[in-house]
Protein backbone atom coordinates (compact mmCIF):
# COMPACT_ATOMS: atom_id res chain seq x y z
CA MET A 1 83.75 110.67 156.60
CA GLN A 2 84.34 108.66 159.75
CA SER A 3 85.23 104.98 159.72
CA SER A 4 86.09 102.32 162.29
CA LEU A 5 87.31 98.73 162.40
CA HIS A 6 84.99 95.88 163.37
CA ASN A 7 85.44 92.13 163.77
CA LEU A 8 82.61 90.52 161.78
CA ARG A 9 81.73 86.94 160.89
CA TRP A 10 84.13 86.83 157.93
CA GLY A 11 87.00 88.94 159.24
CA THR A 12 88.06 92.47 160.13
CA PHE A 13 86.40 95.31 158.21
CA SER A 14 86.62 99.07 157.97
CA LEU A 15 83.04 100.38 158.04
CA ILE A 16 81.70 103.87 157.36
CA GLU A 17 79.73 105.79 159.96
CA GLY A 18 76.16 106.38 158.79
CA ASP A 19 76.35 104.05 155.77
CA MET A 20 73.34 101.73 155.66
CA ILE A 21 75.24 98.53 154.87
CA SER A 22 77.84 99.39 157.51
CA ASN A 23 75.02 99.91 160.04
CA TYR A 24 73.68 96.41 159.39
CA ALA A 25 77.16 94.90 159.67
CA LYS A 26 77.85 96.72 162.94
CA ALA A 27 74.51 95.60 164.34
CA TYR A 28 74.62 91.92 163.36
CA GLY A 29 78.24 91.16 162.49
CA GLU A 30 77.31 90.24 158.92
CA TRP A 31 75.59 91.50 155.79
CA SER A 32 73.00 89.50 153.79
CA GLU A 33 74.38 86.27 155.16
CA THR A 34 71.82 84.15 153.30
CA GLU A 35 73.44 85.26 150.03
CA VAL A 36 76.91 84.47 151.38
CA ARG A 37 75.83 80.95 152.33
CA PHE A 38 74.52 80.40 148.80
CA PHE A 39 77.74 81.62 147.16
CA LEU A 40 79.90 79.43 149.34
CA SER A 41 77.73 76.39 148.66
CA GLN A 42 78.33 76.81 144.92
CA LEU A 43 82.06 77.58 144.92
CA ALA A 44 85.11 75.33 145.03
CA ASP A 45 88.58 76.53 146.00
CA THR A 46 89.79 76.71 142.37
CA ASP A 47 86.79 78.62 140.98
CA ASN A 48 86.90 82.11 139.49
CA VAL A 49 84.32 84.82 140.25
CA ILE A 50 83.47 88.32 138.99
CA GLU A 51 81.67 90.75 141.30
CA VAL A 52 80.28 93.94 139.76
CA GLY A 53 79.38 96.40 142.51
CA ALA A 54 81.58 95.02 145.28
CA ASN A 55 80.91 97.89 147.71
CA LEU A 56 82.89 97.53 150.96
CA GLY A 57 83.76 93.89 150.30
CA LEU A 58 81.42 92.27 152.82
CA HIS A 59 80.71 89.55 150.25
CA ALA A 60 84.03 89.76 148.42
CA VAL A 61 86.00 88.70 151.50
CA PRO A 62 84.15 85.42 152.19
CA ILE A 63 84.06 84.63 148.46
CA ALA A 64 87.81 85.22 148.12
CA LYS A 65 88.48 83.03 151.14
CA GLN A 66 86.36 80.25 149.65
CA ILE A 67 88.15 80.34 146.27
CA ALA A 68 91.65 80.49 147.74
CA LYS A 69 93.20 78.90 144.63
CA GLY A 70 91.00 80.85 142.20
CA LYS A 71 90.61 84.52 141.35
CA LEU A 72 88.03 87.14 142.29
CA PHE A 73 87.59 90.26 140.14
CA CYS A 74 85.88 93.14 141.95
CA PHE A 75 84.56 96.32 140.36
CA GLU A 76 83.44 99.31 142.44
CA PRO A 77 82.87 102.78 140.94
CA GLN A 78 82.77 104.95 144.09
CA ARG A 79 86.31 106.12 144.91
CA ILE A 80 85.88 106.27 148.71
CA ILE A 81 83.98 102.98 148.83
CA PHE A 82 86.64 101.43 146.59
CA GLN A 83 89.37 102.53 149.00
CA HIS A 84 87.51 100.79 151.84
CA LEU A 85 87.13 97.69 149.66
CA CYS A 86 90.90 97.57 149.15
CA CYS A 87 91.47 98.21 152.86
CA ASN A 88 89.21 95.28 153.76
CA LEU A 89 90.91 92.96 151.29
CA ALA A 90 94.29 93.90 152.80
CA LEU A 91 93.08 93.59 156.40
CA ASN A 92 92.04 90.02 155.61
CA GLN A 93 95.32 89.24 153.81
CA LEU A 94 93.66 88.31 150.54
CA THR A 95 95.96 88.25 147.52
CA ASN A 96 93.74 86.46 145.01
CA VAL A 97 91.55 89.51 144.35
CA TYR A 98 91.85 91.95 141.44
CA ALA A 99 90.11 95.19 142.42
CA TYR A 100 89.18 97.92 139.92
CA GLN A 101 87.75 101.37 140.53
CA ALA A 102 85.66 101.35 137.38
CA GLY A 103 82.14 101.24 136.10
CA VAL A 104 81.05 98.21 134.09
CA GLY A 105 78.81 98.48 131.07
CA GLY A 106 78.23 97.63 127.44
CA ALA A 107 80.90 99.94 126.02
CA THR A 108 84.39 101.03 127.06
CA GLY A 109 84.80 104.74 127.78
CA THR A 110 84.75 107.42 130.45
CA MET A 111 81.86 109.03 132.26
CA GLU A 112 81.37 111.62 134.97
CA ILE A 113 79.79 110.41 138.19
CA GLN A 114 78.82 111.88 141.54
CA SER A 115 81.08 111.82 144.59
CA SER A 116 80.82 113.20 148.12
CA ASP A 117 82.62 113.36 151.47
CA TYR A 118 80.43 110.52 152.88
CA HIS A 119 79.62 112.42 156.07
CA HIS A 120 75.89 112.25 155.33
CA ALA A 121 74.04 109.18 156.61
CA TRP A 122 72.86 107.32 153.49
CA ASN A 123 72.53 104.02 151.69
CA TYR A 124 75.71 104.34 149.66
CA GLY A 125 75.21 100.81 148.39
CA SER A 126 72.37 102.10 146.22
CA PHE A 127 74.73 104.26 144.14
CA SER A 128 73.97 104.26 140.41
CA LEU A 129 76.28 105.33 137.59
CA ASP A 130 73.57 107.49 136.03
CA LYS A 131 71.59 108.66 139.09
CA GLY A 132 74.46 108.84 141.55
CA PHE A 133 73.35 108.85 145.18
CA SER A 134 69.70 109.56 144.32
CA SER A 135 68.61 106.20 142.94
CA GLU A 136 66.25 105.59 145.90
CA ALA A 137 65.63 109.11 147.23
CA GLU A 138 66.96 112.62 146.70
CA TYR A 139 70.45 112.97 148.17
CA ASP A 140 70.61 116.30 149.97
CA ALA A 141 74.31 116.58 150.87
CA GLU A 142 77.25 118.10 149.02
CA ILE A 143 78.01 116.51 145.63
CA ASN A 144 81.18 116.68 143.55
CA MET A 145 81.74 115.26 140.08
CA GLU A 146 84.57 112.90 139.13
CA TYR A 147 85.56 111.09 135.96
CA LEU A 148 85.43 107.32 135.97
CA PRO A 149 86.62 104.70 133.46
CA VAL A 150 83.92 102.31 132.23
CA VAL A 151 84.91 98.86 130.98
CA ARG A 152 83.38 95.88 129.21
CA LEU A 153 84.11 92.64 131.05
CA ASP A 154 84.89 91.04 127.70
CA GLU A 155 87.82 93.45 127.29
CA VAL A 156 89.48 93.28 130.74
CA ALA A 157 92.93 91.83 130.11
CA GLU A 158 93.26 89.73 133.27
CA ILE A 159 89.77 88.31 132.85
CA LEU A 160 90.61 87.26 129.30
CA LYS A 161 93.27 84.93 130.74
CA LEU A 162 90.67 82.86 132.59
CA ASP A 163 89.93 79.30 131.56
CA SER A 164 86.75 79.14 133.68
CA LEU A 165 84.21 81.38 135.39
CA LYS A 166 81.83 79.92 137.96
CA LEU A 167 79.90 82.98 139.18
CA LEU A 168 79.05 86.42 137.81
CA LYS A 169 77.56 88.53 140.62
CA ILE A 170 75.98 91.86 139.61
CA ASP A 171 74.67 94.66 141.81
CA ALA A 172 74.63 97.58 139.39
CA GLU A 173 71.50 99.54 140.37
CA GLY A 174 69.85 99.60 136.95
CA PHE A 175 72.91 98.87 134.78
CA GLU A 176 72.43 95.10 134.87
CA ILE A 177 71.69 94.65 131.17
CA PRO A 178 74.64 96.81 129.98
CA VAL A 179 76.89 94.78 132.29
CA LEU A 180 75.55 91.54 130.83
CA SER A 181 75.83 92.74 127.24
CA GLY A 182 79.46 93.71 127.85
CA ALA A 183 80.13 90.18 129.11
CA LYS A 184 78.46 88.37 126.22
CA GLY A 185 81.60 86.50 125.21
CA LEU A 186 82.41 85.38 128.76
CA ILE A 187 78.87 84.21 129.33
CA GLU A 188 78.74 82.25 126.06
CA ARG A 189 82.11 80.65 126.75
CA PHE A 190 81.79 79.74 130.42
CA LYS A 191 78.04 79.75 131.16
CA PRO A 192 78.54 80.92 134.77
CA ILE A 193 75.88 81.14 137.43
CA ILE A 194 74.53 84.70 137.21
CA PHE A 195 73.42 86.27 140.48
CA VAL A 196 71.85 89.64 139.78
CA GLU A 197 69.84 92.21 141.69
CA ALA A 198 66.26 92.31 140.38
CA LEU A 199 64.93 95.81 141.01
CA PRO A 200 61.11 95.95 140.81
CA HIS A 201 61.04 98.49 137.97
CA SER A 202 63.43 96.47 135.79
CA GLN A 203 62.57 92.84 136.58
CA ASN A 204 60.63 92.23 133.36
CA GLU A 205 63.34 93.56 131.07
CA LEU A 206 66.08 91.74 132.97
CA TYR A 207 64.16 88.46 132.97
CA ALA A 208 63.51 88.74 129.22
CA TYR A 209 67.20 89.42 128.49
CA LEU A 210 68.43 86.49 130.57
CA ASN A 211 65.82 84.19 129.08
CA ALA A 212 66.90 85.24 125.57
CA ILE A 213 70.55 84.30 126.21
CA GLY A 214 69.61 80.83 127.42
CA TYR A 215 69.26 81.26 131.17
CA ARG A 216 66.55 80.10 133.54
CA CYS A 217 65.95 82.47 136.45
CA TYR A 218 65.05 81.62 140.04
CA TRP A 219 64.05 83.97 142.83
CA PHE A 220 66.57 84.61 145.57
CA VAL A 221 64.72 86.82 148.04
CA SER A 222 66.19 86.97 151.52
CA ASN A 223 65.93 88.75 154.85
CA ARG A 224 68.93 90.80 155.89
CA TYR A 225 68.23 89.98 159.52
CA GLN A 226 68.87 86.41 160.60
CA GLU A 227 68.17 85.01 164.05
CA THR A 228 71.49 83.19 163.75
CA ASN A 229 73.39 86.44 163.14
CA PHE A 230 77.04 86.49 164.21
CA TYR A 231 76.50 88.84 167.16
CA GLY A 232 73.36 87.04 168.35
CA GLN A 233 71.42 90.30 168.37
CA GLU A 234 67.67 90.71 168.48
CA LYS A 235 66.13 92.40 165.44
CA MET A 236 66.90 96.12 165.42
CA PHE A 237 66.01 96.76 161.80
CA ASP A 238 65.00 94.58 158.91
CA GLY A 239 65.14 94.58 155.13
CA THR A 240 64.70 92.32 152.12
CA ASP A 241 66.94 91.85 149.09
CA ILE A 242 65.44 90.69 145.79
CA ASN A 243 67.70 88.92 143.30
CA PHE A 244 67.58 86.47 140.42
CA VAL A 245 69.95 83.52 140.52
CA CYS A 246 70.22 82.19 137.00
CA PHE A 247 71.51 78.89 135.61
CA HIS A 248 72.19 78.18 131.97
CA GLU A 249 69.54 75.98 130.37
CA SER A 250 72.18 73.26 129.79
CA VAL A 251 72.57 72.95 133.57
CA VAL A 252 68.80 72.76 134.03
CA GLN A 253 68.57 70.05 131.36
CA TYR A 254 71.62 67.91 132.08
CA SER A 255 72.63 68.66 135.69
CA PRO A 256 69.48 69.71 137.56
CA GLU A 257 70.98 68.42 140.82
CA GLN A 258 73.20 71.53 140.81
CA ILE A 259 70.15 73.75 141.39
CA PRO A 260 69.18 73.95 145.09
CA GLY A 261 65.72 72.56 145.70
CA TYR A 262 64.62 75.57 147.75
CA LEU A 263 64.80 77.91 144.74
CA VAL A 264 61.56 78.93 143.01
CA GLU A 265 61.64 79.58 139.29
CA VAL A 266 60.63 83.01 138.06
CA GLN A 267 57.41 82.82 136.08
CA THR A 268 55.43 85.16 133.87
CA GLU A 269 52.18 83.61 135.04
CA PRO A 270 50.96 82.68 138.54
CA ALA A 271 52.56 79.56 139.97
CA SER A 272 50.48 76.42 139.62
CA GLN A 273 52.17 74.70 142.54
CA PRO A 274 53.19 75.66 146.10
CA ALA A 275 55.75 78.44 146.29
CA SER A 276 58.06 76.25 148.37
CA GLN A 277 58.70 74.04 145.33
CA PRO A 278 60.68 75.08 142.24
CA ALA A 279 58.71 75.26 139.01
CA SER A 280 59.44 72.40 136.63
CA GLN A 281 58.76 74.19 133.36
CA PRO A 282 60.21 77.37 131.86
CA ALA A 283 58.08 80.49 131.60
CA SER A 284 55.94 80.38 128.47
CA GLN A 285 54.28 83.79 128.47
CA PRO A 286 55.61 86.81 126.56
CA ALA A 287 58.22 88.85 128.40
CA SER A 288 55.86 91.81 128.41
CA GLN A 289 53.76 90.06 131.04
CA PRO A 290 54.81 90.97 134.60
CA VAL A 291 56.89 88.43 136.46
CA GLN A 292 55.07 87.05 139.45
CA ASP A 293 56.27 87.32 143.04
CA ASN A 294 55.89 83.60 143.68
CA TYR A 295 59.07 83.37 145.72
CA THR A 296 59.80 81.95 149.13
CA LEU A 297 61.51 84.29 151.60
CA LEU A 298 64.85 82.61 152.28
CA SER A 299 66.81 82.32 155.49
CA CYS A 300 70.23 80.83 156.17
CA GLN A 301 70.24 77.15 155.30
């Protein structure tokens, strides 16, 4: 593994040579900045946040800076990536972050996961607890196996001290529903905004689960490249991230002004109005129907 320090939009970061997310950050000085802008728009300095799948901390750092009087709980299963996460938190002098090298799921225990020396160029952000490095394509470099603790968010001692939770951010590469089920108590108590990766093969199941626990889902689909990128670079490579941002139905009913007007509600039937406007009614079709890609591609606001 080779790493180097870089001054990015949100601070100084140790990035890994050949890692896909690191490549974007080194090219543009930022990573998925549209998502960062959304998080910061929703967070006050006293809010608390949980991030499952924190990776190198390219989102954790700006979030932690925004909630300077609150707490951020980061979970990252990959040992080497976790070490870089901690390095980046220290480089940016952040002391309000609790970082855990652990998997997050629906039951507490231990599991064996893949590890490597990280010399091979790869998208290490696509790591999955069950598929390891091969969640998107077959990883063809050396693999070792390591044991990893797996926790339920409802059982993490420091999290149980919280008296509020504003945002639950999940990037778990297929483990989204186990993560949510292990946080059932937190979600029922605090009704946080849930920002979750919506992989194409699991969107229906994820939508159905969130709908069943009282959440309304909106598309958050954004370009990784922004013309306003920190380094002012022309487009060298592109990419799109597909997420659901979900608000509890009580927010939709009583405080709809909290939901940004540019968001488009996820539907199980084709939209009956322009995609640039959010849907006004919840989805009424069975969850077995495919969700429709009626989103607007978002850029930095």
